[in-house]
Amino acid sequence: MENNVTMSNELRDIPASKFEFVQSNEVLHDKVLETKPVGYFKGAFKRFCKNKGAIVASCVILVLVLFALIAPICTPYSVSFTDDLYRGTLPKATVFAKTSFWDGCESVTVGEQEYIKLRAMGEETGHYAIKDQKVERTDDGLYRFRRDTYHKNGMVYINLLPDEYEKLQQYQNETGIQVIYPTVREKDRPESQNDKGDANYYYRTKRASGGVTQIVLDADGNVIPVYRDYPAANPSDNYHSLRIEGDGFDKNGVTYQYAYAAVKGNSYEVRVNYYEYFIYNHTYVLKDGIKKPSFLFGTTNMGQDILTCLASGARFSFIFAIAVAIVNMIVGAIYGSIEGFYGGKIDLVMERVSDILSAVPSMIVITLFKYYLRGSSDILVLFFSFFLTGWIGMAGTTRMQFYRFKNQEYVLAARTLGAKDRRLMFKHIFPNAIGTLVTSCALVIPSMIYSEVNLTYLGIINLSAGSEITSVGTLIAAGQSAFTTAPFIVLFPTVFLTLLMLSFNLFGNGLRDAFNPSLRGSEG
């Protein structure tokens, strides 16, 4: 008590000059709030941005979409591109060419005969299938090295018409690149039927026990070429282009030359280096933009470029799923709005129709459409199959939202003021269902992509037949048979599908939380 009295006395002793009016001769008013109102979508966006998982998923989806849109434009290959001799070719990136990763090479351990064959291929053409000629010999006499899958084909025999033969020689003369190499007589080729058509045997061989082809070496351990030759004064191959080193030699006082072709009826059988022939065919004949064989993701067991097929399949999946989802959302929203707004008998009848359609198994729907739409595109079959029952979920969601909001006070007030049913439905009630519909649509898209991949994987739907369209499921199915020998064929499509499904699920969950009305105001 004494303390309070003392403090009062001290306050009385404060001089009046130290007191100052806060406002003098002014009227006080309430201050205007400086904060701005947060709209529904703006608040939803703020809540969505706080979900780190959804943001990361959005970035991944964006990358996948950009890959699907841009990759088919950037690559020179097309879905219809195939090459039998480049089946299962390993992925190759130029930046990793000097490393042992992503260099298009495979680690192999082979016997002596296979090693000599690969070594001789490089000695003849300069295109070495043994990378950097680095070979390690094991204790049991085997050879371990990295084999270049782009050069392991070596030489092949092909038949050319006279004008094609002339054009190939013209290309050699213009570029100075050797494509055609001396041919070998039938009698000098390996006796084994499995090796007789192998153009890499340009040297002497013999048939060993068990019918196996064995390479004959000279005293220095080198192969002995058995090129076909003829007197230079009497040519038989109509060849007037580049010749390999050592061509043109004396035999019994007569100048001989190697033969670079053998006449086969109306065509010429020539022996070419396939790597260089591939470049010639695409740059000089087809002129399709392909400069050399190089596949960033490798090739399928059909010789297709995996990067092109994956990007094209992803683009189709995105476009198809989004288109079907939008159509289903529009139809489902209209159907569900009518059900939920009017209710009663109208709702009862329309709901029974939905129940009947949803009870039909999707596989039966697809089978029936595929049967009755024979001759039509499988894309049309997929669209009708997904559309027949796909809108039912959207309709159910919209119906529930209408039942939830149609008896709210603001709706009754609008009805009292004379608003028509159409205005009540789509102006006052439907906007409250947009968030839920958008979320449902985002979750439906990966579901449709997954269903489409399953159908193409099982072979029920074939998108690749006679078209420039393929599917991720088709790639996975194609790589299944080569899983042990070429796992990369399955790797890239499955990684894409996994990232897609996980990202869309996280993205959909983020949208669901962002558009949740109960969280409005929690964005801070």
Protein backbone atom coordinates (compact mmCIF):
# COMPACT_ATOMS: atom_id res chain seq x y z
CA MET A 1 0.00 0.00 0.00
CA GLU A 2 2.82 2.32 0.86
CA ASN A 3 4.51 1.56 -2.45
CA ASN A 4 1.38 2.57 -4.39
CA VAL A 5 1.15 5.86 -2.49
CA THR A 6 4.81 6.57 -3.18
CA MET A 7 4.36 5.90 -6.92
CA SER A 8 1.32 8.23 -7.05
CA ASN A 9 3.31 11.01 -5.44
CA GLU A 10 6.11 10.54 -7.95
CA LEU A 11 3.65 10.77 -10.87
CA ARG A 12 2.23 14.04 -9.41
CA ASP A 13 5.67 15.52 -9.39
CA ILE A 14 6.12 15.09 -13.19
CA PRO A 15 6.06 18.54 -14.83
CA ALA A 16 3.23 19.25 -17.30
CA SER A 17 5.70 20.16 -20.03
CA LYS A 18 6.63 16.53 -20.40
CA PHE A 19 3.08 15.59 -21.38
CA GLU A 20 2.18 15.77 -25.08
CA PHE A 21 -1.13 15.22 -26.90
CA VAL A 22 -1.16 12.26 -29.34
CA GLN A 23 -3.63 14.06 -31.58
CA SER A 24 -4.70 17.64 -31.15
CA ASN A 25 -7.83 19.13 -32.76
CA GLU A 26 -8.30 16.03 -34.92
CA VAL A 27 -11.15 13.55 -35.22
CA LEU A 28 -10.16 9.95 -34.61
CA HIS A 29 -11.24 7.30 -37.16
CA ASP A 30 -10.81 3.55 -37.47
CA LYS A 31 -7.76 2.68 -39.59
CA VAL A 32 -8.27 0.97 -42.93
CA LEU A 33 -7.00 -2.63 -42.94
CA GLU A 34 -3.81 -2.91 -44.96
CA THR A 35 -4.18 -6.63 -45.72
CA LYS A 36 -5.79 -7.72 -48.97
CA PRO A 37 -8.51 -10.36 -49.15
CA VAL A 38 -7.23 -13.81 -50.20
CA GLY A 39 -9.35 -15.46 -52.87
CA TYR A 40 -10.15 -19.15 -52.97
CA PHE A 41 -7.68 -20.07 -55.73
CA LYS A 42 -4.96 -17.80 -54.39
CA GLY A 43 -5.27 -19.38 -50.99
CA ALA A 44 -5.22 -22.84 -52.54
CA PHE A 45 -2.05 -21.94 -54.42
CA LYS A 46 -0.37 -20.75 -51.22
CA ARG A 47 -1.29 -23.97 -49.42
CA PHE A 48 -0.05 -26.00 -52.40
CA CYS A 49 3.31 -24.19 -52.38
CA LYS A 50 3.84 -25.15 -48.75
CA ASN A 51 3.68 -28.85 -49.67
CA LYS A 52 7.30 -29.64 -50.59
CA GLY A 53 6.47 -33.10 -51.86
CA ALA A 54 3.86 -31.71 -54.24
CA ILE A 55 6.27 -29.03 -55.50
CA VAL A 56 8.97 -31.63 -56.25
CA ALA A 57 6.37 -33.83 -57.93
CA SER A 58 5.23 -30.88 -60.04
CA CYS A 59 8.80 -30.29 -61.22
CA VAL A 60 9.23 -33.97 -62.10
CA ILE A 61 5.95 -33.98 -64.04
CA LEU A 62 7.03 -30.83 -65.87
CA VAL A 63 10.34 -32.47 -66.84
CA LEU A 64 8.54 -35.60 -68.07
CA VAL A 65 6.07 -33.53 -70.08
CA LEU A 66 8.87 -31.47 -71.65
CA PHE A 67 10.71 -34.70 -72.45
CA ALA A 68 7.61 -36.08 -74.17
CA LEU A 69 7.10 -32.90 -76.18
CA ILE A 70 10.66 -31.96 -77.10
CA ALA A 71 12.56 -35.26 -77.44
CA PRO A 72 10.66 -36.52 -80.54
CA ILE A 73 11.48 -33.21 -82.27
CA CYS A 74 15.17 -33.24 -81.36
CA THR A 75 15.97 -36.84 -82.29
CA PRO A 76 16.53 -37.66 -85.99
CA TYR A 77 14.95 -41.08 -85.60
CA SER A 78 11.27 -41.94 -85.89
CA VAL A 79 9.12 -44.65 -84.32
CA SER A 80 9.04 -46.52 -87.63
CA PHE A 81 12.85 -46.60 -87.80
CA THR A 82 14.25 -50.13 -87.51
CA ASP A 83 17.60 -51.70 -88.22
CA ASP A 84 18.08 -55.44 -87.95
CA LEU A 85 21.84 -55.20 -87.44
CA TYR A 86 21.53 -52.72 -84.60
CA ARG A 87 19.18 -54.74 -82.43
CA GLY A 88 19.84 -54.41 -78.72
CA THR A 89 22.58 -51.83 -79.25
CA LEU A 90 23.75 -50.37 -75.95
CA PRO A 91 23.14 -46.72 -74.99
CA LYS A 92 25.85 -44.29 -76.04
CA ALA A 93 26.45 -40.67 -75.06
CA THR A 94 29.20 -38.71 -76.79
CA VAL A 95 30.34 -37.04 -73.56
CA PHE A 96 31.08 -40.47 -72.05
CA ALA A 97 32.79 -41.92 -75.13
CA LYS A 98 36.22 -42.00 -73.43
CA THR A 99 34.93 -43.64 -70.26
CA SER A 100 33.59 -47.08 -69.51
CA PHE A 101 30.11 -45.74 -68.75
CA TRP A 102 27.40 -45.09 -71.32
CA ASP A 103 29.91 -45.60 -74.13
CA GLY A 104 27.99 -48.15 -76.20
CA CYS A 105 30.37 -50.93 -75.17
CA GLU A 106 29.84 -54.14 -73.26
CA SER A 107 32.29 -56.12 -71.14
CA VAL A 108 32.80 -59.57 -72.66
CA THR A 109 35.04 -62.57 -72.12
CA VAL A 110 35.60 -64.62 -75.26
CA GLY A 111 37.75 -67.44 -76.56
CA GLU A 112 40.78 -67.11 -78.78
CA GLN A 113 38.94 -67.60 -82.10
CA GLU A 114 36.38 -64.86 -81.38
CA TYR A 115 39.14 -62.53 -80.25
CA ILE A 116 41.15 -63.09 -83.43
CA LYS A 117 38.03 -62.48 -85.51
CA LEU A 118 37.29 -59.16 -83.79
CA ARG A 119 40.92 -58.10 -84.00
CA ALA A 120 41.04 -58.88 -87.72
CA MET A 121 37.88 -56.82 -88.31
CA GLY A 122 39.59 -53.75 -86.92
CA GLU A 123 42.83 -54.39 -88.81
CA GLU A 124 40.99 -54.50 -92.14
CA THR A 125 38.75 -51.42 -91.79
CA GLY A 126 40.12 -49.33 -88.91
CA HIS A 127 36.78 -49.69 -87.11
CA TYR A 128 37.82 -51.56 -84.01
CA ALA A 129 35.19 -53.56 -82.16
CA ILE A 130 37.67 -53.91 -79.28
CA LYS A 131 37.60 -50.56 -77.50
CA ASP A 132 41.00 -48.84 -77.49
CA GLN A 133 42.53 -52.25 -78.24
CA LYS A 134 42.76 -52.86 -74.50
CA VAL A 135 42.67 -56.60 -73.88
CA GLU A 136 43.24 -58.57 -70.70
CA ARG A 137 44.12 -62.24 -70.96
CA THR A 138 42.89 -64.46 -68.16
CA ASP A 139 44.72 -67.38 -66.61
CA ASP A 140 42.52 -69.89 -68.43
CA GLY A 141 43.39 -68.50 -71.87
CA LEU A 142 40.33 -66.30 -72.40
CA TYR A 143 40.29 -62.66 -73.47
CA ARG A 144 38.47 -59.95 -71.53
CA PHE A 145 37.75 -56.52 -73.05
CA ARG A 146 35.03 -54.01 -73.84
CA ARG A 147 33.30 -54.69 -77.15
CA ASP A 148 31.80 -51.81 -79.11
CA THR A 149 28.25 -52.78 -80.03
CA TYR A 150 28.25 -50.20 -82.84
CA HIS A 151 31.17 -51.89 -84.63
CA LYS A 152 30.68 -55.53 -83.71
CA ASN A 153 28.70 -56.16 -86.92
CA GLY A 154 31.78 -55.42 -89.00
CA MET A 155 31.29 -56.46 -92.63
CA VAL A 156 28.13 -57.68 -94.36
CA TYR A 157 27.23 -58.93 -97.83
CA ILE A 158 24.54 -56.93 -99.64
CA ASN A 159 23.11 -57.03 -103.17
CA LEU A 160 22.96 -53.77 -105.11
CA LEU A 161 21.38 -52.93 -108.44
CA PRO A 162 23.75 -51.41 -111.02
CA ASP A 163 22.64 -47.81 -110.33
CA GLU A 164 22.91 -48.37 -106.56
CA TYR A 165 26.36 -49.87 -107.01
CA GLU A 166 27.42 -46.89 -109.10
CA LYS A 167 26.01 -44.42 -106.57
CA LEU A 168 27.92 -46.03 -103.70
CA GLN A 169 31.16 -45.75 -105.68
CA GLN A 170 30.37 -42.11 -106.40
CA TYR A 171 29.96 -41.51 -102.65
CA GLN A 172 33.37 -43.08 -101.99
CA ASN A 173 35.00 -40.89 -104.65
CA GLU A 174 33.42 -37.72 -103.24
CA THR A 175 34.11 -38.37 -99.55
CA GLY A 176 37.25 -40.50 -99.68
CA ILE A 177 35.63 -42.96 -97.24
CA GLN A 178 36.03 -46.68 -97.96
CA VAL A 179 32.70 -48.49 -97.74
CA ILE A 180 33.17 -51.37 -100.21
CA TYR A 181 35.92 -53.88 -99.46
CA PRO A 182 37.26 -56.76 -101.58
CA THR A 183 34.95 -59.73 -101.76
CA VAL A 184 35.69 -63.41 -101.19
CA ARG A 185 34.96 -66.33 -103.51
CA GLU A 186 32.32 -68.82 -102.43
CA LYS A 187 34.88 -71.65 -102.22
CA ASP A 188 37.13 -69.61 -99.92
CA ARG A 189 34.40 -68.82 -97.41
CA PRO A 190 33.95 -70.90 -94.24
CA GLU A 191 32.48 -74.36 -94.80
CA SER A 192 30.12 -74.09 -91.85
CA GLN A 193 26.65 -72.96 -92.93
CA ASN A 194 26.43 -70.74 -89.86
CA ASP A 195 29.55 -68.82 -90.87
CA LYS A 196 29.38 -69.01 -94.65
CA GLY A 197 27.37 -65.80 -94.92
CA ASP A 198 29.54 -63.97 -92.37
CA ALA A 199 31.40 -61.32 -94.38
CA ASN A 200 33.96 -60.82 -91.61
CA TYR A 201 35.77 -63.99 -92.68
CA TYR A 202 38.00 -62.49 -95.36
CA TYR A 203 40.87 -64.81 -94.47
CA ARG A 204 41.71 -68.48 -94.64
CA THR A 205 39.77 -70.83 -92.40
CA LYS A 206 39.37 -74.55 -91.96
CA ARG A 207 36.73 -76.82 -90.56
CA ALA A 208 37.69 -78.20 -87.18
CA SER A 209 36.14 -81.09 -85.27
CA GLY A 210 32.43 -80.68 -84.70
CA GLY A 211 32.07 -78.48 -87.78
CA VAL A 212 33.46 -75.43 -85.97
CA THR A 213 35.19 -72.79 -88.10
CA GLN A 214 38.83 -72.34 -87.14
CA ILE A 215 40.98 -69.42 -88.31
CA VAL A 216 44.29 -70.30 -89.99
CA LEU A 217 47.19 -68.03 -89.01
CA ASP A 218 50.59 -67.49 -90.59
CA ALA A 219 53.92 -67.88 -88.84
CA ASP A 220 53.61 -64.40 -87.30
CA GLY A 221 50.15 -65.10 -85.89
CA ASN A 222 48.31 -62.97 -88.46
CA VAL A 223 45.31 -63.90 -90.60
CA ILE A 224 45.85 -64.83 -94.26
CA PRO A 225 43.55 -62.80 -96.60
CA VAL A 226 41.81 -64.72 -99.39
CA TYR A 227 40.39 -61.81 -101.38
CA ARG A 228 39.03 -62.58 -104.81
CA ASP A 229 41.29 -61.16 -107.55
CA TYR A 230 41.47 -60.84 -111.34
CA PRO A 231 43.91 -59.59 -114.00
CA ALA A 232 43.85 -55.79 -114.05
CA ALA A 233 43.56 -55.84 -117.84
CA ASN A 234 40.37 -57.90 -117.67
CA PRO A 235 38.15 -56.42 -114.89
CA SER A 236 34.99 -58.29 -113.95
CA ASP A 237 33.44 -56.14 -111.21
CA ASN A 238 32.97 -52.75 -112.96
CA TYR A 239 34.70 -51.12 -109.98
CA HIS A 240 36.38 -47.73 -110.41
CA SER A 241 36.63 -46.31 -106.91
CA LEU A 242 38.82 -46.46 -103.79
CA ARG A 243 41.02 -49.49 -103.27
CA ILE A 244 42.54 -50.77 -100.05
CA GLU A 245 46.26 -50.79 -99.32
CA GLY A 246 48.09 -53.63 -101.06
CA ASP A 247 45.70 -53.79 -103.99
CA GLY A 248 47.40 -54.12 -107.39
CA PHE A 249 50.16 -56.71 -107.27
CA ASP A 250 52.17 -58.88 -109.66
CA LYS A 251 51.40 -62.55 -110.08
CA ASN A 252 53.55 -64.45 -112.58
CA GLY A 253 54.40 -61.21 -114.33
CA VAL A 254 50.76 -60.13 -114.61
CA THR A 255 49.24 -57.25 -112.61
CA TYR A 256 46.28 -58.39 -110.53
CA GLN A 257 43.66 -56.43 -108.61
CA TYR A 258 41.14 -57.36 -105.93
CA ALA A 259 37.54 -57.87 -106.96
CA TYR A 260 35.11 -55.60 -105.05
CA ALA A 261 31.91 -57.19 -106.35
CA ALA A 262 30.55 -60.43 -107.70
CA VAL A 263 27.91 -60.38 -110.43
CA LYS A 264 24.72 -62.10 -109.25
CA GLY A 265 22.25 -62.01 -112.14
CA ASN A 266 21.13 -58.40 -112.54
CA SER A 267 22.78 -57.20 -109.34
CA TYR A 268 26.17 -56.98 -107.66
CA GLU A 269 27.04 -58.73 -104.42
CA VAL A 270 29.35 -56.43 -102.49
CA ARG A 271 31.05 -56.66 -99.14
CA VAL A 272 30.65 -53.46 -97.13
CA ASN A 273 31.51 -52.16 -93.70
CA TYR A 274 28.06 -51.80 -92.21
CA TYR A 275 28.89 -48.83 -89.95
CA GLU A 276 30.00 -46.77 -92.95
CA TYR A 277 27.20 -48.13 -95.13
CA PHE A 278 24.66 -47.01 -92.51
CA ILE A 279 26.08 -43.48 -92.69
CA TYR A 280 26.08 -43.53 -96.50
CA ASN A 281 22.51 -44.82 -96.72
CA HIS A 282 21.06 -42.19 -94.38
CA THR A 283 23.14 -39.16 -95.40
CA TYR A 284 23.53 -39.76 -99.13
CA VAL A 285 20.51 -41.84 -100.17
CA LEU A 286 17.65 -41.33 -97.70
CA LYS A 287 18.80 -37.92 -96.43
CA ASP A 288 16.58 -38.32 -93.37
CA GLY A 289 18.74 -36.34 -90.94
CA ILE A 290 20.50 -39.35 -89.41
CA LYS A 291 24.24 -38.75 -89.57
CA LYS A 292 25.62 -41.85 -87.88
CA PRO A 293 24.41 -44.70 -85.67
CA SER A 294 24.18 -43.27 -82.17
CA PHE A 295 21.41 -44.15 -79.71
CA LEU A 296 21.32 -42.29 -76.40
CA PHE A 297 19.04 -44.88 -74.75
CA GLY A 298 20.07 -47.80 -76.96
CA THR A 299 17.81 -49.78 -79.28
CA THR A 300 15.07 -52.35 -78.78
CA ASN A 301 15.26 -55.96 -79.90
CA MET A 302 13.57 -54.75 -83.10
CA GLY A 303 16.28 -52.17 -83.78
CA GLN A 304 14.18 -49.13 -82.80
CA ASP A 305 15.60 -46.10 -81.02
CA ILE A 306 14.39 -46.35 -77.41
CA LEU A 307 14.62 -42.59 -76.80
CA THR A 308 12.32 -41.82 -79.73
CA CYS A 309 9.87 -44.60 -78.91
CA LEU A 310 9.75 -43.71 -75.20
CA ALA A 311 9.23 -40.00 -75.87
CA SER A 312 6.57 -40.69 -78.51
CA GLY A 313 4.81 -43.18 -76.24
CA ALA A 314 4.92 -40.72 -73.34
CA ARG A 315 3.55 -37.92 -75.52
CA PHE A 316 0.67 -40.12 -76.65
CA SER A 317 -0.06 -41.18 -73.07
CA PHE A 318 -0.14 -37.59 -71.81
CA ILE A 319 -2.28 -36.26 -74.65
CA PHE A 320 -4.67 -39.20 -74.60
CA ALA A 321 -5.10 -39.26 -70.80
CA ILE A 322 -5.60 -35.50 -70.53
CA ALA A 323 -8.09 -35.45 -73.43
CA VAL A 324 -10.13 -38.31 -71.98
CA ALA A 325 -9.99 -36.79 -68.49
CA ILE A 326 -11.28 -33.44 -69.77
CA VAL A 327 -14.13 -35.05 -71.71
CA ASN A 328 -15.04 -37.22 -68.73
CA MET A 329 -14.93 -34.21 -66.42
CA ILE A 330 -17.24 -32.15 -68.67
CA VAL A 331 -19.75 -34.96 -69.16
CA GLY A 332 -19.55 -36.08 -65.53
CA ALA A 333 -19.92 -32.53 -64.22
CA ILE A 334 -23.06 -31.89 -66.26
CA TYR A 335 -24.56 -35.27 -65.43
CA GLY A 336 -23.75 -35.00 -61.70
CA SER A 337 -25.02 -31.41 -61.54
CA ILE A 338 -28.44 -32.46 -62.83
CA GLU A 339 -28.55 -35.40 -60.42
CA GLY A 340 -27.56 -33.43 -57.35
CA PHE A 341 -29.59 -30.31 -58.07
CA TYR A 342 -32.95 -31.87 -58.88
CA GLY A 343 -32.69 -35.01 -56.75
CA GLY A 344 -35.80 -37.15 -56.28
CA LYS A 345 -36.91 -39.40 -59.15
CA ILE A 346 -34.53 -37.77 -61.62
CA ASP A 347 -31.59 -38.56 -59.36
CA LEU A 348 -32.88 -42.09 -58.76
CA VAL A 349 -33.16 -42.92 -62.48
CA MET A 350 -29.88 -41.33 -63.44
CA GLU A 351 -28.04 -42.99 -60.57
CA ARG A 352 -29.33 -46.43 -61.61
CA VAL A 353 -28.02 -45.81 -65.13
CA SER A 354 -24.61 -45.00 -63.65
CA ASP A 355 -24.71 -48.14 -61.50
CA ILE A 356 -25.47 -50.35 -64.50
CA LEU A 357 -22.65 -48.90 -66.58
CA SER A 358 -20.13 -49.05 -63.74
CA ALA A 359 -20.98 -52.71 -63.10
CA VAL A 360 -19.75 -53.74 -66.57
CA PRO A 361 -16.11 -54.97 -66.35
CA SER A 362 -13.73 -52.75 -68.27
CA MET A 363 -12.11 -55.72 -69.99
CA ILE A 364 -15.46 -56.76 -71.46
CA VAL A 365 -16.04 -53.20 -72.65
CA ILE A 366 -12.65 -53.11 -74.38
CA THR A 367 -13.17 -56.55 -75.95
CA LEU A 368 -16.62 -55.61 -77.29
CA PHE A 369 -15.41 -52.32 -78.74
CA LYS A 370 -12.39 -54.03 -80.29
CA TYR A 371 -14.70 -56.62 -81.88
CA TYR A 372 -17.34 -54.22 -83.19
CA LEU A 373 -14.86 -51.56 -84.27
CA ARG A 374 -12.74 -53.93 -86.32
CA GLY A 375 -10.75 -52.02 -88.90
CA SER A 376 -10.81 -48.90 -86.74
CA SER A 377 -7.82 -47.50 -84.92
CA ASP A 378 -7.05 -48.96 -81.51
CA ILE A 379 -6.88 -45.37 -80.27
CA LEU A 380 -10.60 -45.05 -80.97
CA VAL A 381 -11.23 -48.30 -79.13
CA LEU A 382 -9.29 -47.00 -76.13
CA PHE A 383 -11.14 -43.68 -76.14
CA PHE A 384 -14.62 -45.23 -76.22
CA SER A 385 -13.65 -47.80 -73.60
CA PHE A 386 -12.33 -45.22 -71.15
CA PHE A 387 -15.12 -42.76 -71.86
CA LEU A 388 -18.00 -45.23 -71.42
CA THR A 389 -17.46 -45.51 -67.67
CA GLY A 390 -14.79 -42.91 -66.97
CA TRP A 391 -17.22 -40.05 -66.40
CA ILE A 392 -19.17 -41.90 -63.67
CA GLY A 393 -16.66 -41.05 -60.94
CA MET A 394 -16.74 -37.38 -61.91
CA ALA A 395 -20.53 -37.42 -61.90
CA GLY A 396 -20.61 -38.96 -58.42
CA THR A 397 -18.21 -36.35 -57.07
CA THR A 398 -20.23 -33.47 -58.55
CA ARG A 399 -23.49 -34.96 -57.27
CA MET A 400 -22.16 -35.11 -53.70
CA GLN A 401 -21.00 -31.50 -53.87
CA PHE A 402 -24.41 -30.35 -55.10
CA TYR A 403 -26.18 -32.17 -52.28
CA ARG A 404 -23.78 -30.48 -49.90
CA PHE A 405 -24.23 -26.90 -51.10
CA LYS A 406 -27.65 -26.63 -52.73
CA ASN A 407 -29.45 -25.91 -49.43
CA GLN A 408 -26.98 -23.30 -48.22
CA GLU A 409 -28.36 -19.88 -47.29
CA TYR A 410 -26.76 -18.01 -50.19
CA VAL A 411 -28.36 -20.45 -52.65
CA LEU A 412 -31.79 -20.04 -51.03
CA ALA A 413 -31.33 -16.26 -51.10
CA ALA A 414 -30.49 -16.34 -54.80
CA ARG A 415 -33.52 -18.53 -55.49
CA THR A 416 -35.70 -16.08 -53.51
CA LEU A 417 -34.42 -13.22 -55.66
CA GLY A 418 -35.57 -15.07 -58.78
CA ALA A 419 -32.40 -16.78 -60.01
CA LYS A 420 -33.11 -19.55 -62.53
CA ASP A 421 -32.02 -23.14 -62.10
CA ARG A 422 -29.17 -22.83 -64.61
CA ARG A 423 -27.75 -19.83 -62.75
CA LEU A 424 -28.11 -21.52 -59.40
CA MET A 425 -26.37 -24.66 -60.68
CA PHE A 426 -23.41 -23.17 -62.50
CA LYS A 427 -23.02 -19.77 -60.85
CA HIS A 428 -23.63 -20.45 -57.18
CA ILE A 429 -23.18 -24.18 -56.54
CA PHE A 430 -20.82 -25.57 -59.19
CA PRO A 431 -17.83 -23.29 -58.34
CA ASN A 432 -17.69 -25.00 -54.95
CA ALA A 433 -17.12 -28.34 -56.69
CA ILE A 434 -14.33 -27.12 -58.99
CA GLY A 435 -11.54 -27.84 -56.51
CA THR A 436 -12.71 -31.39 -55.92
CA LEU A 437 -13.14 -32.00 -59.66
CA VAL A 438 -9.67 -30.66 -60.48
CA THR A 439 -8.17 -32.92 -57.84
CA SER A 440 -10.10 -35.92 -59.14
CA CYS A 441 -9.03 -35.12 -62.69
CA ALA A 442 -5.37 -34.92 -61.66
CA LEU A 443 -5.62 -38.32 -59.98
CA VAL A 444 -7.47 -39.87 -62.92
CA ILE A 445 -4.76 -38.97 -65.45
CA PRO A 446 -2.08 -41.34 -64.05
CA SER A 447 -4.73 -44.02 -63.61
CA MET A 448 -5.61 -43.80 -67.31
CA ILE A 449 -1.95 -43.83 -68.33
CA TYR A 450 -1.36 -46.90 -66.19
CA SER A 451 -4.40 -48.66 -67.68
CA GLU A 452 -3.27 -47.82 -71.21
CA VAL A 453 0.24 -49.12 -70.45
CA ASN A 454 -1.21 -52.35 -69.06
CA LEU A 455 -3.38 -52.93 -72.12
CA THR A 456 -0.53 -52.35 -74.56
CA TYR A 457 1.85 -54.43 -72.41
CA LEU A 458 -0.55 -57.38 -72.54
CA GLY A 459 -1.01 -56.94 -76.29
CA ILE A 460 -4.77 -56.34 -76.06
CA ILE A 461 -4.26 -52.93 -77.65
CA ASN A 462 -1.65 -52.58 -80.38
CA LEU A 463 -0.78 -48.97 -81.14
CA SER A 464 2.33 -49.75 -83.18
CA ALA A 465 0.65 -51.54 -86.06
CA GLY A 466 1.29 -49.48 -89.18
CA SER A 467 1.54 -46.14 -87.40
CA GLU A 468 4.01 -43.65 -85.99
CA ILE A 469 2.61 -44.22 -82.49
CA THR A 470 3.91 -46.53 -79.82
CA SER A 471 3.34 -47.01 -76.11
CA VAL A 472 5.42 -47.33 -72.98
CA GLY A 473 3.72 -50.68 -72.38
CA THR A 474 4.81 -51.92 -75.81
CA LEU A 475 8.43 -51.05 -74.99
CA ILE A 476 8.27 -52.88 -71.66
CA ALA A 477 6.75 -55.95 -73.33
CA ALA A 478 9.41 -55.88 -76.06
CA GLY A 479 12.21 -55.73 -73.51
CA GLN A 480 10.88 -58.52 -71.34
CA SER A 481 12.22 -61.22 -73.66
CA ALA A 482 15.70 -59.63 -73.60
CA PHE A 483 15.77 -58.81 -69.89
CA THR A 484 18.87 -60.88 -69.13
CA THR A 485 20.88 -59.82 -72.20
CA ALA A 486 19.73 -56.22 -72.66
CA PRO A 487 18.08 -54.97 -69.43
CA PHE A 488 18.34 -51.33 -70.55
CA ILE A 489 15.43 -51.94 -72.96
CA VAL A 490 13.15 -52.33 -69.93
CA LEU A 491 15.03 -49.94 -67.64
CA PHE A 492 14.20 -46.60 -69.26
CA PRO A 493 10.44 -47.21 -69.79
CA THR A 494 9.99 -48.57 -66.25
CA VAL A 495 11.89 -45.65 -64.70
CA PHE A 496 9.70 -43.24 -66.66
CA LEU A 497 6.50 -45.01 -65.58
CA THR A 498 7.61 -45.17 -61.93
CA LEU A 499 8.47 -41.47 -61.79
CA LEU A 500 5.21 -40.62 -63.50
CA MET A 501 3.00 -42.58 -61.11
CA LEU A 502 4.76 -41.42 -57.94
CA SER A 503 4.83 -37.80 -59.05
CA PHE A 504 1.17 -37.70 -60.04
CA ASN A 505 0.13 -39.28 -56.75
CA LEU A 506 2.09 -36.70 -54.74
CA PHE A 507 0.83 -33.93 -57.01
CA GLY A 508 -2.79 -35.10 -56.63
CA ASN A 509 -2.48 -35.31 -52.85
CA GLY A 510 -1.08 -31.77 -52.82
CA LEU A 511 -4.01 -30.52 -54.89
CA ARG A 512 -6.48 -32.31 -52.64
CA ASP A 513 -5.07 -30.62 -49.54
CA ALA A 514 -4.81 -27.25 -51.25
CA PHE A 515 -8.43 -27.24 -52.39
CA ASN A 516 -9.75 -28.57 -49.08
CA PRO A 517 -12.20 -25.88 -47.84
CA SER A 518 -11.56 -26.84 -44.21
CA LEU A 519 -7.96 -25.61 -44.58
CA ARG A 520 -8.96 -22.20 -45.89
CA GLY A 521 -7.35 -19.51 -43.79
CA SER A 522 -4.44 -21.74 -42.76
CA GLU A 523 -2.12 -20.33 -45.39
CA GLY A 524 -1.00 -17.58 -43.02
